[in-house]
Every structure is written in structure tokens, then in C-alpha cells.
Amino acid sequence: MTHRKGVVRLSGTPAGVIEEVEGGTRFRYDSDYLARKDALPISLTLPLRAEPYESRGLHPFFENLLPEGWLLELSTTRLKIPRDDPFGLLLATCADCVGAVEIIGKEEHR
């Protein structure tokens, strides 16, 4: 089974990892990032903590990074990603999101 993950970066600094889990997604801050004195949360809805954030589907913060409207249509068509694969769309389109957060995809086989 292919297990998809993405490194979540804040202003170019790796801050954590988002990954697919059974029935949803999990985001966890990296322990090295949490140890930094200048660490900031990636969102007010995801305050800094060692425990993971688990969500059915994508956490709303990550869902709000996805393209919408005509850009969603263009993205799904050009990238050949089904509309019902928001995690795949996140990995394919958020390496260069508007704002300070980026998600860099990588695959891990289990």
C-alpha cells in the first residue's frame, strides 16, 4: 500500500509532516521545529504541540490551501487528479502556495 506524506514548511523551514491515515489525515509538528525558540504555529487552528492533529479528511487549514472554482477545474484536469482526492491535490499544488506555508510531497511505501 502506498502511503502519501508531505513535508510542511513555514517560510522555507520544515515545520512538520502531513500524512494520510486510515479515514483521514494526521499532521504532526517536527520535534526539532518545536525545540526552536522562534517556532511559530502554521495556523492559529494548529497551535504548537508535540501531539499529532488527526482529522477526518483534510484539516480545514489544509483544505483552505486548495484551489477553488476555475483554478480547481484547471488543476484537476491538467494534473489528472480526481476531484475526490484532496490529499493528492494538496501535494500537487501546494509546493508553491500563496503565503508562508508550503507542502512538499514525498511517497513512502509500506
PDB file of N, CA and C in Angstrom:
ATOM      1  N   MET A   1       0.835  -1.183   0.000  1.00  0.00           N
ATOM      2  CA  MET A   1       0.000   0.000   0.000  1.00  0.00           C
ATOM      3  C   MET A   1       0.879   1.246   0.000  1.00  0.00           C
ATOM      4  N   THR A   2       0.585   2.191  -0.868  1.00  0.00           N
ATOM      5  CA  THR A   2       1.328   3.442  -0.915  1.00  0.00           C
ATOM      6  C   THR A   2       0.774   4.372   0.142  1.00  0.00           C
ATOM      7  N   HIS A   3       1.657   4.950   0.898  1.00  0.00           N
ATOM      8  CA  HIS A   3       1.321   5.848   1.985  1.00  0.00           C
ATOM      9  C   HIS A   3       1.885   7.225   1.622  1.00  0.00           C
ATOM     10  N   ARG A   4       1.000   8.201   1.371  1.00  0.00           N
ATOM     11  CA  ARG A   4       1.477   9.514   0.932  1.00  0.00           C
ATOM     12  C   ARG A   4       1.708  10.438   2.113  1.00  0.00           C
ATOM     13  N   LYS A   5       2.742  11.261   1.982  1.00  0.00           N
ATOM     14  CA  LYS A   5       3.121  12.225   3.008  1.00  0.00           C
ATOM     15  C   LYS A   5       3.580  13.509   2.339  1.00  0.00           C
ATOM     16  N   GLY A   6       3.567  14.558   3.116  1.00  0.00           N
ATOM     17  CA  GLY A   6       4.135  15.810   2.658  1.00  0.00           C
ATOM     18  C   GLY A   6       4.830  16.524   3.803  1.00  0.00           C
ATOM     19  N   VAL A   7       5.966  17.108   3.508  1.00  0.00           N
ATOM     20  CA  VAL A   7       6.671  17.926   4.491  1.00  0.00           C
ATOM     21  C   VAL A   7       6.037  19.311   4.442  1.00  0.00           C
ATOM     22  N   VAL A   8       5.630  19.790   5.609  1.00  0.00           N
ATOM     23  CA  VAL A   8       5.010  21.105   5.712  1.00  0.00           C
ATOM     24  C   VAL A   8       6.094  22.084   6.136  1.00  0.00           C
ATOM     25  N   ARG A   9       6.297  23.112   5.307  1.00  0.00           N
ATOM     26  CA  ARG A   9       7.319  24.116   5.604  1.00  0.00           C
ATOM     27  C   ARG A   9       6.655  25.458   5.862  1.00  0.00           C
ATOM     28  N   LEU A  10       7.221  26.198   6.786  1.00  0.00           N
ATOM     29  CA  LEU A  10       6.769  27.551   7.087  1.00  0.00           C
ATOM     30  C   LEU A  10       7.917  28.490   6.770  1.00  0.00           C
ATOM     31  N   SER A  11       7.708  29.366   5.802  1.00  0.00           N
ATOM     32  CA  SER A  11       8.753  30.290   5.337  1.00  0.00           C
ATOM     33  C   SER A  11      10.043  29.547   5.004  1.00  0.00           C
ATOM     34  N   GLY A  12       9.907  28.375   4.377  1.00  0.00           N
ATOM     35  CA  GLY A  12      11.053  27.593   3.940  1.00  0.00           C
ATOM     36  C   GLY A  12      11.635  26.657   4.980  1.00  0.00           C
ATOM     37  N   THR A  13      11.191  26.750   6.231  1.00  0.00           N
ATOM     38  CA  THR A  13      11.703  25.903   7.304  1.00  0.00           C
ATOM     39  C   THR A  13      10.779  24.711   7.522  1.00  0.00           C
ATOM     40  N   PRO A  14      11.308  23.482   7.495  1.00  0.00           N
ATOM     41  CA  PRO A  14      10.452  22.328   7.767  1.00  0.00           C
ATOM     42  C   PRO A  14       9.837  22.432   9.162  1.00  0.00           C
ATOM     43  N   ALA A  15       8.495  22.368   9.215  1.00  0.00           N
ATOM     44  CA  ALA A  15       7.782  22.520  10.486  1.00  0.00           C
ATOM     45  C   ALA A  15       7.105  21.225  10.926  1.00  0.00           C
ATOM     46  N   GLY A  16       6.784  20.351   9.986  1.00  0.00           N
ATOM     47  CA  GLY A  16       6.094  19.118  10.347  1.00  0.00           C
ATOM     48  C   GLY A  16       5.804  18.274   9.131  1.00  0.00           C
ATOM     49  N   VAL A  17       4.969  17.248   9.344  1.00  0.00           N
ATOM     50  CA  VAL A  17       4.612  16.318   8.282  1.00  0.00           C
ATOM     51  C   VAL A  17       3.108  16.088   8.311  1.00  0.00           C
ATOM     52  N   ILE A  18       2.501  16.112   7.124  1.00  0.00           N
ATOM     53  CA  ILE A  18       1.109  15.704   6.983  1.00  0.00           C
ATOM     54  C   ILE A  18       1.113  14.381   6.241  1.00  0.00           C
ATOM     55  N   GLU A  19       0.264  13.454   6.706  1.00  0.00           N
ATOM     56  CA  GLU A  19       0.227  12.139   6.068  1.00  0.00           C
ATOM     57  C   GLU A  19      -1.185  11.590   6.060  1.00  0.00           C
ATOM     58  N   GLU A  20      -1.409  10.715   5.084  1.00  0.00           N
ATOM     59  CA  GLU A  20      -2.683  10.003   5.023  1.00  0.00           C
ATOM     60  C   GLU A  20      -2.677   8.907   6.081  1.00  0.00           C
ATOM     61  N   VAL A  21      -3.801   8.765   6.748  1.00  0.00           N
ATOM     62  CA  VAL A  21      -4.011   7.664   7.683  1.00  0.00           C
ATOM     63  C   VAL A  21      -5.385   7.090   7.386  1.00  0.00           C
ATOM     64  N   GLU A  22      -5.672   5.955   7.948  1.00  0.00           N
ATOM     65  CA  GLU A  22      -6.976   5.326   7.744  1.00  0.00           C
ATOM     66  C   GLU A  22      -8.087   6.314   8.088  1.00  0.00           C
ATOM     67  N   GLY A  23      -8.902   6.659   7.113  1.00  0.00           N
ATOM     68  CA  GLY A  23     -10.052   7.530   7.332  1.00  0.00           C
ATOM     69  C   GLY A  23      -9.769   9.017   7.376  1.00  0.00           C
ATOM     70  N   GLY A  24      -8.526   9.440   7.114  1.00  0.00           N
ATOM     71  CA  GLY A  24      -8.268  10.878   7.158  1.00  0.00           C
ATOM     72  C   GLY A  24      -6.808  11.226   7.028  1.00  0.00           C
ATOM     73  N   THR A  25      -6.408  12.249   7.778  1.00  0.00           N
ATOM     74  CA  THR A  25      -5.029  12.732   7.733  1.00  0.00           C
ATOM     75  C   THR A  25      -4.527  13.013   9.144  1.00  0.00           C
ATOM     76  N   ARG A  26      -3.206  13.073   9.244  1.00  0.00           N
ATOM     77  CA  ARG A  26      -2.553  13.404  10.514  1.00  0.00           C
ATOM     78  C   ARG A  26      -1.474  14.437  10.219  1.00  0.00           C
ATOM     79  N   PHE A  27      -1.445  15.492  11.031  1.00  0.00           N
ATOM     80  CA  PHE A  27      -0.361  16.469  10.960  1.00  0.00           C
ATOM     81  C   PHE A  27       0.355  16.456  12.296  1.00  0.00           C
ATOM     82  N   ARG A  28       1.689  16.416  12.223  1.00  0.00           N
ATOM     83  CA  ARG A  28       2.499  16.446  13.441  1.00  0.00           C
ATOM     84  C   ARG A  28       3.654  17.426  13.226  1.00  0.00           C
ATOM     85  N   TYR A  29       3.834  18.300  14.211  1.00  0.00           N
ATOM     86  CA  TYR A  29       4.995  19.188  14.180  1.00  0.00           C
ATOM     87  C   TYR A  29       6.259  18.360  14.403  1.00  0.00           C
ATOM     88  N   ASP A  30       7.332  18.734  13.730  1.00  0.00           N
ATOM     89  CA  ASP A  30       8.628  18.105  13.886  1.00  0.00           C
ATOM     90  C   ASP A  30       9.220  18.501  15.239  1.00  0.00           C
ATOM     91  N   SER A  31       9.805  17.538  15.950  1.00  0.00           N
ATOM     92  CA  SER A  31      10.352  17.826  17.286  1.00  0.00           C
ATOM     93  C   SER A  31      11.475  18.864  17.228  1.00  0.00           C
ATOM     94  N   ASP A  32      12.292  18.848  16.172  1.00  0.00           N
ATOM     95  CA  ASP A  32      13.343  19.867  16.040  1.00  0.00           C
ATOM     96  C   ASP A  32      12.738  21.252  15.863  1.00  0.00           C
ATOM     97  N   TYR A  33      11.639  21.324  15.122  1.00  0.00           N
ATOM     98  CA  TYR A  33      10.963  22.604  14.926  1.00  0.00           C
ATOM     99  C   TYR A  33      10.377  23.091  16.248  1.00  0.00           C
ATOM    100  N   LEU A  34       9.746  22.208  16.993  1.00  0.00           N
ATOM    101  CA  LEU A  34       9.161  22.594  18.281  1.00  0.00           C
ATOM    102  C   LEU A  34      10.217  23.081  19.267  1.00  0.00           C
ATOM    103  N   ALA A  35      11.442  22.588  19.154  1.00  0.00           N
ATOM    104  CA  ALA A  35      12.520  22.976  20.067  1.00  0.00           C
ATOM    105  C   ALA A  35      13.094  24.356  19.756  1.00  0.00           C
ATOM    106  N   ARG A  36      12.769  24.889  18.606  1.00  0.00           N
ATOM    107  CA  ARG A  36      13.302  26.204  18.220  1.00  0.00           C
ATOM    108  C   ARG A  36      12.644  27.312  19.047  1.00  0.00           C
ATOM    109  N   LYS A  37      13.422  28.290  19.456  1.00  0.00           N
ATOM    110  CA  LYS A  37      12.868  29.431  20.203  1.00  0.00           C
ATOM    111  C   LYS A  37      11.985  30.304  19.324  1.00  0.00           C
ATOM    112  N   ASP A  38      12.235  30.293  18.017  1.00  0.00           N
ATOM    113  CA  ASP A  38      11.469  31.132  17.100  1.00  0.00           C
ATOM    114  C   ASP A  38      10.334  30.366  16.402  1.00  0.00           C
ATOM    115  N   ALA A  39       9.998  29.172  16.899  1.00  0.00           N
ATOM    116  CA  ALA A  39       8.943  28.369  16.267  1.00  0.00           C
ATOM    117  C   ALA A  39       7.596  29.075  16.352  1.00  0.00           C
ATOM    118  N   LEU A  40       6.896  29.079  15.239  1.00  0.00           N
ATOM    119  CA  LEU A  40       5.552  29.650  15.159  1.00  0.00           C
ATOM    120  C   LEU A  40       4.598  28.577  14.661  1.00  0.00           C
ATOM    121  N   PRO A  41       3.343  28.620  15.091  1.00  0.00           N
ATOM    122  CA  PRO A  41       2.381  27.659  14.532  1.00  0.00           C
ATOM    123  C   PRO A  41       2.128  27.967  13.065  1.00  0.00           C
ATOM    124  N   ILE A  42       1.804  26.944  12.284  1.00  0.00           N
ATOM    125  CA  ILE A  42       1.497  27.183  10.876  1.00  0.00           C
ATOM    126  C   ILE A  42       0.123  27.826  10.729  1.00  0.00           C
ATOM    127  N   SER A  43      -0.692  27.706  11.780  1.00  0.00           N
ATOM    128  CA  SER A  43      -2.042  28.273  11.777  1.00  0.00           C
ATOM    129  C   SER A  43      -2.491  28.439  13.226  1.00  0.00           C
ATOM    130  N   LEU A  44      -3.369  29.400  13.470  1.00  0.00           N
ATOM    131  CA  LEU A  44      -3.941  29.553  14.810  1.00  0.00           C
ATOM    132  C   LEU A  44      -4.771  28.330  15.192  1.00  0.00           C
ATOM    133  N   THR A  45      -5.275  27.611  14.198  1.00  0.00           N
ATOM    134  CA  THR A  45      -6.073  26.413  14.464  1.00  0.00           C
ATOM    135  C   THR A  45      -5.201  25.180  14.692  1.00  0.00           C
ATOM    136  N   LEU A  46      -3.885  25.330  14.539  1.00  0.00           N
ATOM    137  CA  LEU A  46      -2.937  24.236  14.765  1.00  0.00           C
ATOM    138  C   LEU A  46      -1.807  24.748  15.672  1.00  0.00           C
ATOM    139  N   PRO A  47      -2.127  25.058  16.943  1.00  0.00           N
ATOM    140  CA  PRO A  47      -1.090  25.569  17.843  1.00  0.00           C
ATOM    141  C   PRO A  47       0.049  24.568  18.026  1.00  0.00           C
ATOM    142  N   LEU A  48       1.197  25.086  18.399  1.00  0.00           N
ATOM    143  CA  LEU A  48       2.364  24.231  18.601  1.00  0.00           C
ATOM    144  C   LEU A  48       2.089  23.210  19.704  1.00  0.00           C
ATOM    145  N   ARG A  49       2.378  21.942  19.415  1.00  0.00           N
ATOM    146  CA  ARG A  49       2.286  20.867  20.413  1.00  0.00           C
ATOM    147  C   ARG A  49       2.941  19.623  19.834  1.00  0.00           C
ATOM    148  N   ALA A  50       3.352  18.738  20.720  1.00  0.00           N
ATOM    149  CA  ALA A  50       4.008  17.502  20.283  1.00  0.00           C
ATOM    150  C   ALA A  50       2.997  16.469  19.785  1.00  0.00           C
ATOM    151  N   GLU A  51       1.776  16.485  20.301  1.00  0.00           N
ATOM    152  CA  GLU A  51       0.771  15.512  19.901  1.00  0.00           C
ATOM    153  C   GLU A  51       0.299  15.804  18.479  1.00  0.00           C
ATOM    154  N   PRO A  52      -0.025  14.762  17.733  1.00  0.00           N
ATOM    155  CA  PRO A  52      -0.492  14.976  16.362  1.00  0.00           C
ATOM    156  C   PRO A  52      -1.927  15.497  16.320  1.00  0.00           C
ATOM    157  N   TYR A  53      -2.242  16.140  15.213  1.00  0.00           N
ATOM    158  CA  TYR A  53      -3.608  16.563  14.908  1.00  0.00           C
ATOM    159  C   TYR A  53      -4.167  15.561  13.912  1.00  0.00           C
ATOM    160  N   GLU A  54      -5.247  14.897  14.274  1.00  0.00           N
ATOM    161  CA  GLU A  54      -5.878  13.923  13.376  1.00  0.00           C
ATOM    162  C   GLU A  54      -7.207  14.491  12.908  1.00  0.00           C
ATOM    163  N   SER A  55      -7.506  14.303  11.638  1.00  0.00           N
ATOM    164  CA  SER A  55      -8.741  14.825  11.052  1.00  0.00           C
ATOM    165  C   SER A  55      -9.344  13.799  10.121  1.00  0.00           C
ATOM    166  N   ARG A  56     -10.653  13.785  10.074  1.00  0.00           N
ATOM    167  CA  ARG A  56     -11.353  13.009   9.052  1.00  0.00           C
ATOM    168  C   ARG A  56     -11.247  13.872   7.790  1.00  0.00           C
ATOM    169  N   GLY A  57     -10.638  13.333   6.749  1.00  0.00           N
ATOM    170  CA  GLY A  57     -10.352  14.158   5.573  1.00  0.00           C
ATOM    171  C   GLY A  57      -9.192  15.092   5.890  1.00  0.00           C
ATOM    172  N   LEU A  58      -9.154  16.210   5.195  1.00  0.00           N
ATOM    173  CA  LEU A  58      -8.113  17.207   5.468  1.00  0.00           C
ATOM    174  C   LEU A  58      -8.556  18.126   6.594  1.00  0.00           C
ATOM    175  N   HIS A  59      -7.623  18.530   7.437  1.00  0.00           N
ATOM    176  CA  HIS A  59      -7.913  19.561   8.430  1.00  0.00           C
ATOM    177  C   HIS A  59      -8.331  20.813   7.657  1.00  0.00           C
ATOM    178  N   PRO A  60      -9.289  21.587   8.159  1.00  0.00           N
ATOM    179  CA  PRO A  60      -9.760  22.769   7.425  1.00  0.00           C
ATOM    180  C   PRO A  60      -8.652  23.726   6.992  1.00  0.00           C
ATOM    181  N   PHE A  61      -7.592  23.881   7.794  1.00  0.00           N
ATOM    182  CA  PHE A  61      -6.493  24.761   7.386  1.00  0.00           C
ATOM    183  C   PHE A  61      -5.892  24.299   6.061  1.00  0.00           C
ATOM    184  N   PHE A  62      -5.619  22.997   5.949  1.00  0.00           N
ATOM    185  CA  PHE A  62      -5.021  22.467   4.727  1.00  0.00           C
ATOM    186  C   PHE A  62      -6.018  22.501   3.570  1.00  0.00           C
ATOM    187  N   GLU A  63      -7.275  22.232   3.861  1.00  0.00           N
ATOM    188  CA  GLU A  63      -8.300  22.284   2.813  1.00  0.00           C
ATOM    189  C   GLU A  63      -8.399  23.688   2.214  1.00  0.00           C
ATOM    190  N   ASN A  64      -8.208  24.706   3.038  1.00  0.00           N
ATOM    191  CA  ASN A  64      -8.277  26.082   2.546  1.00  0.00           C
ATOM    192  C   ASN A  64      -7.098  26.473   1.665  1.00  0.00           C
ATOM    193  N   LEU A  65      -6.069  25.642   1.615  1.00  0.00           N
ATOM    194  CA  LEU A  65      -4.937  25.903   0.717  1.00  0.00           C
ATOM    195  C   LEU A  65      -5.218  25.422  -0.710  1.00  0.00           C
ATOM    196  N   LEU A  66      -6.241  24.585  -0.875  1.00  0.00           N
ATOM    197  CA  LEU A  66      -6.538  24.003  -2.186  1.00  0.00           C
ATOM    198  C   LEU A  66      -7.141  25.025  -3.139  1.00  0.00           C
ATOM    199  N   PRO A  67      -6.887  24.849  -4.429  1.00  0.00           N
ATOM    200  CA  PRO A  67      -7.503  25.737  -5.420  1.00  0.00           C
ATOM    201  C   PRO A  67      -9.022  25.557  -5.424  1.00  0.00           C
ATOM    202  N   GLU A  68      -9.711  26.612  -5.850  1.00  0.00           N
ATOM    203  CA  GLU A  68     -11.177  26.590  -5.924  1.00  0.00           C
ATOM    204  C   GLU A  68     -11.626  27.090  -7.291  1.00  0.00           C
ATOM    205  N   GLY A  69     -12.902  26.866  -7.587  1.00  0.00           N
ATOM    206  CA  GLY A  69     -13.515  27.415  -8.792  1.00  0.00           C
ATOM    207  C   GLY A  69     -12.801  26.993 -10.060  1.00  0.00           C
ATOM    208  N   TRP A  70     -12.576  27.965 -10.949  1.00  0.00           N
ATOM    209  CA  TRP A  70     -11.966  27.668 -12.242  1.00  0.00           C
ATOM    210  C   TRP A  70     -10.556  27.120 -12.085  1.00  0.00           C
ATOM    211  N   LEU A  71      -9.840  27.551 -11.032  1.00  0.00           N
ATOM    212  CA  LEU A  71      -8.480  27.056 -10.818  1.00  0.00           C
ATOM    213  C   LEU A  71      -8.497  25.580 -10.391  1.00  0.00           C
ATOM    214  N   LEU A  72      -9.514  25.187  -9.637  1.00  0.00           N
ATOM    215  CA  LEU A  72      -9.677  23.777  -9.277  1.00  0.00           C
ATOM    216  C   LEU A  72      -9.921  22.943 -10.530  1.00  0.00           C
ATOM    217  N   GLU A  73     -10.811  23.429 -11.405  1.00  0.00           N
ATOM    218  CA  GLU A  73     -11.086  22.715 -12.657  1.00  0.00           C
ATOM    219  C   GLU A  73      -9.824  22.574 -13.503  1.00  0.00           C
ATOM    220  N   LEU A  74      -9.096  23.650 -13.634  1.00  0.00           N
ATOM    221  CA  LEU A  74      -7.855  23.633 -14.410  1.00  0.00           C
ATOM    222  C   LEU A  74      -6.839  22.679 -13.788  1.00  0.00           C
ATOM    223  N   SER A  75      -6.672  22.758 -12.474  1.00  0.00           N
ATOM    224  CA  SER A  75      -5.690  21.919 -11.777  1.00  0.00           C
ATOM    225  C   SER A  75      -6.012  20.439 -11.892  1.00  0.00           C
ATOM    226  N   THR A  76      -7.251  20.066 -11.643  1.00  0.00           N
ATOM    227  CA  THR A  76      -7.612  18.646 -11.695  1.00  0.00           C
ATOM    228  C   THR A  76      -7.498  18.099 -13.117  1.00  0.00           C
ATOM    229  N   THR A  77      -7.838  18.917 -14.097  1.00  0.00           N
ATOM    230  CA  THR A  77      -7.749  18.478 -15.489  1.00  0.00           C
ATOM    231  C   THR A  77      -6.297  18.341 -15.930  1.00  0.00           C
ATOM    232  N   ARG A  78      -5.508  19.374 -15.700  1.00  0.00           N
ATOM    233  CA  ARG A  78      -4.108  19.349 -16.156  1.00  0.00           C
ATOM    234  C   ARG A  78      -3.261  18.326 -15.417  1.00  0.00           C
ATOM    235  N   LEU A  79      -3.499  18.202 -14.112  1.00  0.00           N
ATOM    236  CA  LEU A  79      -2.692  17.292 -13.307  1.00  0.00           C
ATOM    237  C   LEU A  79      -3.247  15.868 -13.265  1.00  0.00           C
ATOM    238  N   LYS A  80      -4.444  15.709 -13.857  1.00  0.00           N
ATOM    239  CA  LYS A  80      -5.116  14.400 -13.887  1.00  0.00           C
ATOM    240  C   LYS A  80      -5.298  13.837 -12.472  1.00  0.00           C
ATOM    241  N   ILE A  81      -5.769  14.699 -11.581  1.00  0.00           N
ATOM    242  CA  ILE A  81      -6.056  14.323 -10.199  1.00  0.00           C
ATOM    243  C   ILE A  81      -7.565  14.390 -10.012  1.00  0.00           C
ATOM    244  N   PRO A  82      -8.171  13.307  -9.539  1.00  0.00           N
ATOM    245  CA  PRO A  82      -9.623  13.336  -9.325  1.00  0.00           C
ATOM    246  C   PRO A  82     -10.022  14.390  -8.288  1.00  0.00           C
ATOM    247  N   ARG A  83     -11.177  14.983  -8.476  1.00  0.00           N
ATOM    248  CA  ARG A  83     -11.684  15.984  -7.531  1.00  0.00           C
ATOM    249  C   ARG A  83     -11.879  15.409  -6.137  1.00  0.00           C
ATOM    250  N   ASP A  84     -12.096  14.090  -6.051  1.00  0.00           N
ATOM    251  CA  ASP A  84     -12.313  13.475  -4.744  1.00  0.00           C
ATOM    252  C   ASP A  84     -11.002  12.992  -4.102  1.00  0.00           C
ATOM    253  N   ASP A  85      -9.865  13.568  -4.527  1.00  0.00           N
ATOM    254  CA  ASP A  85      -8.556  13.271  -3.936  1.00  0.00           C
ATOM    255  C   ASP A  85      -7.916  14.573  -3.439  1.00  0.00           C
ATOM    256  N   PRO A  86      -8.481  15.166  -2.382  1.00  0.00           N
ATOM    257  CA  PRO A  86      -7.927  16.429  -1.902  1.00  0.00           C
ATOM    258  C   PRO A  86      -6.488  16.309  -1.413  1.00  0.00           C
ATOM    259  N   PHE A  87      -6.103  15.147  -0.861  1.00  0.00           N
ATOM    260  CA  PHE A  87      -4.725  14.985  -0.406  1.00  0.00           C
ATOM    261  C   PHE A  87      -3.765  15.010  -1.591  1.00  0.00           C
ATOM    262  N   GLY A  88      -4.125  14.328  -2.657  1.00  0.00           N
ATOM    263  CA  GLY A  88      -3.303  14.351  -3.860  1.00  0.00           C
ATOM    264  C   GLY A  88      -3.193  15.746  -4.444  1.00  0.00           C
ATOM    265  N   LEU A  89      -4.293  16.470  -4.422  1.00  0.00           N
ATOM    266  CA  LEU A  89      -4.298  17.845  -4.917  1.00  0.00           C
ATOM    267  C   LEU A  89      -3.421  18.743  -4.039  1.00  0.00           C
ATOM    268  N   LEU A  90      -3.472  18.531  -2.732  1.00  0.00           N
ATOM    269  CA  LEU A  90      -2.638  19.289  -1.798  1.00  0.00           C
ATOM    270  C   LEU A  90      -1.162  19.074  -2.123  1.00  0.00           C
ATOM    271  N   LEU A  91      -0.770  17.810  -2.303  1.00  0.00           N
ATOM    272  CA  LEU A  91       0.633  17.511  -2.603  1.00  0.00           C
ATOM    273  C   LEU A  91       1.058  18.063  -3.960  1.00  0.00           C
ATOM    274  N   ALA A  92       0.140  18.064  -4.927  1.00  0.00           N
ATOM    275  CA  ALA A  92       0.486  18.503  -6.280  1.00  0.00           C
ATOM    276  C   ALA A  92       0.501  20.013  -6.449  1.00  0.00           C
ATOM    277  N   THR A  93      -0.260  20.737  -5.648  1.00  0.00           N
ATOM    278  CA  THR A  93      -0.399  22.179  -5.894  1.00  0.00           C
ATOM    279  C   THR A  93       0.159  23.079  -4.808  1.00  0.00           C
ATOM    280  N   CYS A  94       0.521  22.533  -3.667  1.00  0.00           N
ATOM    281  CA  CYS A  94       0.893  23.412  -2.544  1.00  0.00           C
ATOM    282  C   CYS A  94       2.382  23.517  -2.288  1.00  0.00           C
ATOM    283  N   ALA A  95       3.202  23.116  -3.246  1.00  0.00           N
ATOM    284  CA  ALA A  95       4.640  23.347  -3.108  1.00  0.00           C
ATOM    285  C   ALA A  95       4.948  24.822  -3.283  1.00  0.00           C
ATOM    286  N   ASP A  96       4.018  25.550  -3.880  1.00  0.00           N
ATOM    287  CA  ASP A  96       4.197  26.983  -4.106  1.00  0.00           C
ATOM    288  C   ASP A  96       2.867  27.694  -3.841  1.00  0.00           C
ATOM    289  N   CYS A  97       2.379  27.542  -2.623  1.00  0.00           N
ATOM    290  CA  CYS A  97       1.100  28.174  -2.237  1.00  0.00           C
ATOM    291  C   CYS A  97       1.295  29.666  -2.008  1.00  0.00           C
ATOM    292  N   VAL A  98       0.194  30.383  -2.040  1.00  0.00           N
ATOM    293  CA  VAL A  98       0.212  31.781  -1.637  1.00  0.00           C
ATOM    294  C   VAL A  98       0.390  31.787  -0.122  1.00  0.00           C
ATOM    295  N   GLY A  99       1.269  32.619   0.385  1.00  0.00           N
ATOM    296  CA  GLY A  99       1.508  32.667   1.821  1.00  0.00           C
ATOM    297  C   GLY A  99       2.788  31.940   2.193  1.00  0.00           C
ATOM    298  N   ALA A 100       2.973  31.743   3.491  1.00  0.00           N
ATOM    299  CA  ALA A 100       4.231  31.219   4.014  1.00  0.00           C
ATOM    300  C   ALA A 100       4.281  29.695   4.097  1.00  0.00           C
ATOM    301  N   VAL A 101       3.144  29.014   3.959  1.00  0.00           N
ATOM    302  CA  VAL A 101       3.112  27.557   4.115  1.00  0.00           C
ATOM    303  C   VAL A 101       3.255  26.870   2.757  1.00  0.00           C
ATOM    304  N   GLU A 102       4.118  25.856   2.732  1.00  0.00           N
ATOM    305  CA  GLU A 102       4.317  25.025   1.541  1.00  0.00           C
ATOM    306  C   GLU A 102       4.230  23.575   1.974  1.00  0.00           C
ATOM    307  N   ILE A 103       3.755  22.724   1.071  1.00  0.00           N
ATOM    308  CA  ILE A 103       3.742  21.285   1.320  1.00  0.00           C
ATOM    309  C   ILE A 103       4.506  20.623   0.186  1.00  0.00           C
ATOM    310  N   ILE A 104       5.572  19.936   0.552  1.00  0.00           N
ATOM    311  CA  ILE A 104       6.424  19.275  -0.418  1.00  0.00           C
ATOM    312  C   ILE A 104       6.144  17.775  -0.305  1.00  0.00           C
ATOM    313  N   GLY A 105       5.583  17.189  -1.352  1.00  0.00           N
ATOM    314  CA  GLY A 105       5.179  15.799  -1.319  1.00  0.00           C
ATOM    315  C   GLY A 105       6.317  14.821  -1.426  1.00  0.00           C
ATOM    316  N   LYS A 106       6.109  13.679  -0.794  1.00  0.00           N
ATOM    317  CA  LYS A 106       7.029  12.557  -0.954  1.00  0.00           C
ATOM    318  C   LYS A 106       6.223  11.301  -0.686  1.00  0.00           C
ATOM    319  N   GLU A 107       6.636  10.213  -1.311  1.00  0.00           N
ATOM    320  CA  GLU A 107       5.922   8.953  -1.135  1.00  0.00           C
ATOM    321  C   GLU A 107       6.766   8.011  -0.293  1.00  0.00           C
ATOM    322  N   GLU A 108       6.049   7.237   0.504  1.00  0.00           N
ATOM    323  CA  GLU A 108       6.683   6.225   1.316  1.00  0.00           C
ATOM    324  C   GLU A 108       5.881   4.957   1.126  1.00  0.00           C
ATOM    325  N   HIS A 109       6.540   3.873   0.812  1.00  0.00           N
ATOM    326  CA  HIS A 109       5.834   2.606   0.607  1.00  0.00           C
ATOM    327  C   HIS A 109       5.878   1.793   1.887  1.00  0.00           C
ATOM    328  N   ARG A 110       4.703   1.270   2.281  1.00  0.00           N
ATOM    329  CA  ARG A 110       4.620   0.418   3.465  1.00  0.00           C
ATOM    330  C   ARG A 110       4.411  -1.000   3.044  1.00  0.00           C
TER     331      ARG A 110
END
